[in-house]
Protein backbone atom coordinates (compact mmCIF):
# COMPACT_ATOMS: atom_id res chain seq x y z
CA MET A 1 -32.99 6.85 -15.06
CA ARG A 2 -29.57 7.45 -16.60
CA ALA A 3 -26.56 8.91 -14.88
CA LYS A 4 -25.57 12.43 -15.88
CA LYS A 5 -21.97 13.39 -16.49
CA SER A 6 -22.69 16.97 -15.44
CA PHE A 7 -23.42 15.74 -11.91
CA GLY A 8 -20.55 13.24 -11.85
CA GLN A 9 -23.04 10.41 -11.34
CA HIS A 10 -22.03 6.74 -11.13
CA PHE A 11 -24.77 4.72 -9.45
CA LEU A 12 -23.61 2.08 -6.99
CA THR A 13 -25.22 -1.26 -7.86
CA ASN A 14 -23.72 -3.56 -5.22
CA GLU A 15 -26.12 -4.01 -2.30
CA ALA A 16 -23.46 -5.47 0.01
CA ILE A 17 -21.16 -2.49 -0.45
CA ALA A 18 -24.02 -0.06 0.21
CA GLY A 19 -24.70 -1.91 3.46
CA ARG A 20 -21.03 -1.77 4.47
CA ILE A 21 -20.90 1.98 3.91
CA ALA A 22 -24.02 2.52 6.02
CA ASP A 23 -22.60 0.28 8.77
CA ALA A 24 -19.35 2.26 8.86
CA LEU A 25 -21.03 5.37 10.25
CA PHE A 26 -20.71 5.49 14.05
CA ALA A 27 -18.80 2.19 13.98
CA GLY A 28 -15.99 3.73 16.04
CA ASP A 29 -12.51 2.42 16.74
CA GLY A 30 -11.31 1.26 20.13
CA GLY A 31 -8.92 3.68 21.77
CA LEU A 32 -9.49 6.52 19.29
CA GLU A 33 -9.46 9.83 21.16
CA ILE A 34 -12.07 12.17 19.68
CA ALA A 35 -14.13 15.06 20.93
CA ASP A 36 -17.94 15.02 20.74
CA SER A 37 -17.45 11.53 19.42
CA ALA A 38 -19.88 9.44 17.45
CA ALA A 39 -20.62 7.49 20.61
CA GLU A 40 -21.38 10.69 22.48
CA VAL A 41 -23.66 11.96 19.72
CA GLU A 42 -25.53 8.69 19.31
CA GLY A 43 -26.04 8.49 23.06
CA GLU A 44 -28.41 11.46 22.97
CA GLY A 45 -31.39 10.00 21.14
CA GLN A 46 -31.52 9.85 17.38
CA ARG A 47 -28.40 10.65 15.39
CA GLN A 48 -28.49 13.38 12.77
CA VAL A 49 -27.11 12.23 9.41
CA LEU A 50 -26.96 14.05 6.08
CA GLU A 51 -26.45 11.99 2.94
CA ILE A 52 -24.87 13.89 0.06
CA GLY A 53 -25.93 12.94 -3.47
CA PRO A 54 -28.23 9.97 -2.82
CA GLY A 55 -29.03 9.53 -6.52
CA LYS A 56 -31.35 6.54 -6.87
CA GLY A 57 -31.14 5.71 -3.17
CA MET A 58 -28.95 2.61 -3.10
CA LEU A 59 -27.21 3.78 0.09
CA THR A 60 -30.27 5.66 1.33
CA LYS A 61 -32.37 2.55 1.83
CA TYR A 62 -29.75 1.08 4.18
CA LEU A 63 -29.54 4.34 6.11
CA LEU A 64 -33.32 4.35 6.48
CA GLN A 65 -33.10 1.00 8.26
CA LYS A 66 -31.02 2.54 11.05
CA ASN A 67 -31.90 4.73 13.99
CA PHE A 68 -30.87 7.90 12.17
CA ASP A 69 -32.55 11.25 11.87
CA LEU A 70 -31.76 11.19 8.15
CA LYS A 71 -31.90 13.95 5.57
CA VAL A 72 -30.57 13.83 2.01
CA VAL A 73 -29.34 16.63 -0.22
CA GLU A 74 -29.62 16.15 -3.98
CA ALA A 75 -28.89 18.74 -6.69
CA ASP A 76 -30.38 16.79 -9.63
CA SER A 77 -34.12 17.54 -9.93
CA ASP A 78 -34.73 14.25 -11.76
CA MET A 79 -33.20 12.31 -8.88
CA VAL A 80 -35.25 14.32 -6.39
CA ALA A 81 -38.40 13.25 -8.24
CA TYR A 82 -37.18 9.62 -8.31
CA LEU A 83 -36.53 9.63 -4.56
CA LYS A 84 -39.95 11.10 -3.83
CA ASP A 85 -41.62 8.41 -5.95
CA ASN A 86 -39.63 5.45 -4.62
CA TYR A 87 -38.92 6.40 -1.01
CA PRO A 88 -42.07 7.88 0.52
CA GLU A 89 -40.41 7.63 3.94
CA LEU A 90 -38.16 10.50 2.82
CA ASP A 91 -41.12 12.86 2.74
CA GLY A 92 -39.96 16.18 4.18
CA ARG A 93 -36.37 14.99 4.39
CA ILE A 94 -35.14 15.73 0.85
CA ILE A 95 -33.18 18.95 0.37
CA ALA A 96 -33.21 19.83 -3.34
CA GLU A 97 -30.00 21.86 -3.38
CA ASP A 98 -26.31 21.79 -4.20
CA PHE A 99 -24.46 20.72 -1.06
CA LEU A 100 -21.64 23.17 -1.76
CA LYS A 101 -24.14 26.05 -1.64
CA LEU A 102 -26.21 24.68 1.22
CA ASP A 103 -26.50 26.61 4.48
CA LEU A 104 -25.53 23.82 6.86
CA ALA A 105 -27.02 25.60 9.86
CA SER A 106 -30.45 25.11 8.28
CA VAL A 107 -30.22 21.33 7.87
CA PHE A 108 -31.03 20.27 11.45
CA PRO A 109 -32.24 23.53 13.06
CA ASN A 110 -33.70 21.71 16.08
CA GLY A 111 -31.13 18.94 16.33
CA GLN A 112 -28.61 18.09 19.02
CA ALA A 113 -26.16 20.85 19.83
CA THR A 114 -22.68 20.85 21.36
CA ARG A 115 -21.30 24.23 22.43
CA GLY A 116 -23.99 25.92 20.35
CA ASN A 117 -23.29 23.95 17.15
CA ARG A 118 -25.90 21.57 15.75
CA GLN A 119 -24.27 18.17 15.34
CA PHE A 120 -24.70 15.96 12.29
CA SER A 121 -22.52 13.52 10.41
CA ILE A 122 -22.24 13.29 6.63
CA ILE A 123 -22.15 10.24 4.41
CA GLY A 124 -22.33 9.50 0.72
CA ASN A 125 -21.09 8.05 -2.50
CA PHE A 126 -19.66 11.43 -3.38
CA PRO A 127 -19.54 12.82 -6.93
CA TYR A 128 -15.84 12.60 -7.72
CA ASN A 129 -15.76 15.99 -9.45
CA ILE A 130 -16.58 17.81 -6.19
CA SER A 131 -15.28 15.37 -3.57
CA SER A 132 -12.35 17.54 -2.44
CA GLN A 133 -14.68 20.54 -2.14
CA ILE A 134 -16.96 18.47 0.09
CA VAL A 135 -14.01 17.79 2.41
CA PHE A 136 -13.00 21.45 2.51
CA LYS A 137 -16.57 22.49 3.34
CA MET A 138 -16.63 19.88 6.11
CA LEU A 139 -13.44 21.39 7.54
CA GLU A 140 -14.99 24.86 7.52
CA HIS A 141 -17.93 23.50 9.54
CA ARG A 142 -16.08 20.91 11.60
CA GLN A 143 -17.57 22.17 14.88
CA SER A 144 -20.87 20.74 13.62
CA ILE A 145 -19.62 17.58 11.92
CA PRO A 146 -18.20 14.84 14.19
CA GLN A 147 -17.86 12.24 11.44
CA LEU A 148 -17.75 11.67 7.70
CA VAL A 149 -18.03 8.36 5.87
CA GLY A 150 -17.63 8.66 2.15
CA MET A 151 -16.72 6.95 -1.08
CA PHE A 152 -14.15 8.83 -3.13
CA GLN A 153 -12.04 8.15 -6.16
CA LYS A 154 -9.42 5.84 -4.63
CA GLU A 155 -6.60 8.24 -5.40
CA MET A 156 -8.39 11.03 -3.52
CA ALA A 157 -9.29 8.74 -0.60
CA GLU A 158 -5.63 7.76 -0.24
CA ARG A 159 -4.52 11.37 -0.52
CA ILE A 160 -6.78 12.54 2.31
CA ILE A 161 -5.38 10.02 4.80
CA ALA A 162 -1.82 9.81 3.41
CA ALA A 163 1.07 9.82 5.87
CA PRO A 164 3.99 12.28 5.50
CA GLY A 165 6.77 11.28 3.17
CA GLY A 166 4.86 10.03 0.13
CA LYS A 167 3.74 11.53 -3.15
CA ASP A 168 0.08 11.37 -2.07
CA TYR A 169 0.67 13.62 0.93
CA GLY A 170 -0.32 17.22 0.29
CA ILE A 171 -2.49 20.16 1.28
CA ILE A 172 -5.73 18.23 1.74
CA SER A 173 -3.86 15.57 3.76
CA VAL A 174 -2.48 18.10 6.25
CA LEU A 175 -5.67 20.13 6.61
CA ALA A 176 -7.92 17.09 7.02
CA GLN A 177 -5.60 15.38 9.48
CA ALA A 178 -5.18 18.55 11.51
CA PHE A 179 -8.79 18.20 12.65
CA TYR A 180 -9.87 14.62 11.89
CA GLU A 181 -8.56 11.11 12.44
CA GLY A 182 -8.72 9.24 9.14
CA LYS A 183 -9.16 5.55 8.40
CA TYR A 184 -9.20 3.80 5.02
CA LEU A 185 -12.01 1.23 5.20
CA PHE A 186 -12.10 -0.66 1.90
CA SER A 187 -11.69 -0.39 -1.87
CA VAL A 188 -14.46 -0.69 -4.45
CA GLY A 189 -13.89 -1.88 -8.02
CA ASN A 190 -15.39 0.05 -10.92
CA GLY A 191 -17.57 -2.92 -11.87
CA ASN A 192 -19.85 -2.11 -8.93
CA PHE A 193 -21.27 0.99 -10.63
CA ASN A 194 -23.51 1.89 -13.51
CA PRO A 195 -22.01 3.35 -15.58
CA PRO A 196 -18.60 2.06 -14.44
CA PRO A 197 -16.16 4.90 -13.69
CA LYS A 198 -12.71 4.75 -15.25
CA VAL A 199 -11.12 4.73 -11.80
CA GLN A 200 -11.22 2.60 -8.66
CA SER A 201 -12.96 3.88 -5.55
CA GLY A 202 -12.20 3.86 -1.84
CA VAL A 203 -14.29 4.36 1.29
CA ILE A 204 -12.84 6.31 4.23
CA ARG A 205 -14.02 7.48 7.62
CA LEU A 206 -12.98 10.78 9.20
CA THR A 207 -13.67 11.29 12.91
CA ARG A 208 -13.19 14.66 14.55
CA LYS A 209 -10.24 15.03 16.92
CA SER A 210 -10.31 16.49 20.39
CA GLY A 211 -8.48 19.61 21.49
CA GLU A 212 -7.35 22.76 19.74
CA LEU A 213 -4.97 23.02 16.81
CA GLY A 214 -2.30 24.83 18.81
CA CYS A 215 -1.72 27.75 16.47
CA ASN A 216 -3.51 30.45 14.50
CA GLU A 217 -5.76 28.45 12.18
CA ALA A 218 -5.95 31.00 9.36
CA LEU A 219 -2.16 31.38 9.31
CA PHE A 220 -1.75 27.59 9.51
CA LYS A 221 -3.73 27.19 6.28
CA LYS A 222 -1.67 29.90 4.56
CA VAL A 223 1.60 28.29 5.60
CA VAL A 224 0.51 24.83 4.43
CA LYS A 225 -0.68 26.12 1.06
CA GLN A 226 2.45 28.21 0.56
CA ALA A 227 4.72 25.30 1.44
CA PHE A 228 3.04 22.93 -1.01
CA GLY A 229 2.73 25.57 -3.73
CA GLN A 230 6.10 24.34 -5.01
CA ARG A 231 6.36 21.03 -3.21
CA ARG A 232 9.69 19.99 -4.72
CA LYS A 233 11.44 23.05 -3.34
CA MET A 234 12.92 23.34 0.14
CA LEU A 235 11.01 25.29 2.76
CA ARG A 236 13.72 27.96 2.86
CA ASN A 237 12.74 28.89 -0.71
CA THR A 238 8.97 28.63 -0.53
CA LEU A 239 8.52 30.33 2.86
CA LYS A 240 10.63 33.46 2.23
CA PRO A 241 7.53 35.71 2.09
CA PHE A 242 6.70 34.81 5.71
CA PHE A 243 10.01 35.85 7.28
CA GLN A 244 11.40 39.38 7.44
CA ASP A 245 14.77 38.06 8.63
CA PRO A 246 16.06 35.65 5.94
CA SER A 247 18.73 34.28 8.29
CA VAL A 248 15.99 32.36 10.10
CA LEU A 249 15.67 30.15 7.02
CA GLU A 250 19.26 28.91 7.19
CA GLY A 251 18.61 26.17 9.78
CA ASP A 252 18.44 22.49 8.89
CA PHE A 253 14.68 22.45 9.39
CA PHE A 254 14.16 24.70 6.37
CA LYS A 255 16.22 22.42 4.14
CA GLN A 256 13.33 19.96 4.19
CA ARG A 257 10.54 19.68 1.67
CA PRO A 258 6.91 20.05 2.82
CA GLU A 259 5.88 16.44 2.20
CA VAL A 260 8.02 15.22 5.13
CA LEU A 261 6.32 17.45 7.72
CA GLY A 262 3.49 16.08 9.83
CA VAL A 263 0.66 18.18 11.25
CA ALA A 264 2.57 18.88 14.49
CA ALA A 265 5.57 20.19 12.52
CA PHE A 266 3.33 22.51 10.52
CA VAL A 267 1.79 23.76 13.77
CA ASP A 268 5.27 24.52 15.14
CA LEU A 269 6.21 26.19 11.85
CA THR A 270 3.09 28.36 11.96
CA ASN A 271 3.90 29.50 15.48
CA GLN A 272 7.44 30.34 14.37
CA VAL A 273 6.07 32.40 11.48
CA GLN A 274 3.75 34.28 13.82
CA GLN A 275 6.50 34.98 16.34
CA SER A 276 8.82 36.31 13.64
CA ASN A 277 6.40 39.04 12.56
């Protein structure tokens, strides 16, 4: 069974790494303040988990050893057939669809619910060509997804959890960290895959934060995207379309570039934009 470039497939071959990824889900971190936390979810019977892109099942077999209510979503029909042949315990638990097109409300229709939202975590050795889209879909459905553990291209993994002030910090950093607490877990060399990718990989965990964002979410996203649209320019230049009174942009705050602003600063900026219109 060969990997297909069209699906961005690189099969993990290292058993120990597969085990570490499986162990990272619901591992928790002492003192981390999160809402509907992994501990809370796992305390209510079985834990709903969706694996994205299981491929030949290297990670899947370790997930099957745990007390998870596990389902897998796989877009490659050949891999679906392989999983059915080699993992009979997945009978009825394989979703033969593209995750990006999947109706997430249909995955665990009778599962645990918090405030009306069915709760399930996602995990996977994600296809690198759609990994950012997976994160953005998670953000859209964050009320249902308390945790993500995933392997990404290392550059993308570092970008998602990057702190303000560096070249890696950008749109996906701000949007992910607005709603999730991120932790870089470990790196994975390209020799642990078949075929080996040309890049290094990194495994991260994202755990949903408690509380509300503190501003209009739709406007927050627009402000972040506008600010980073020309990231080397000062905010007073990039944010002109948001302010009817240009004199507002003369303060020292607007002489900064977007990569130095943390989530809280973008929240304050969004509220200022809303108040000015």
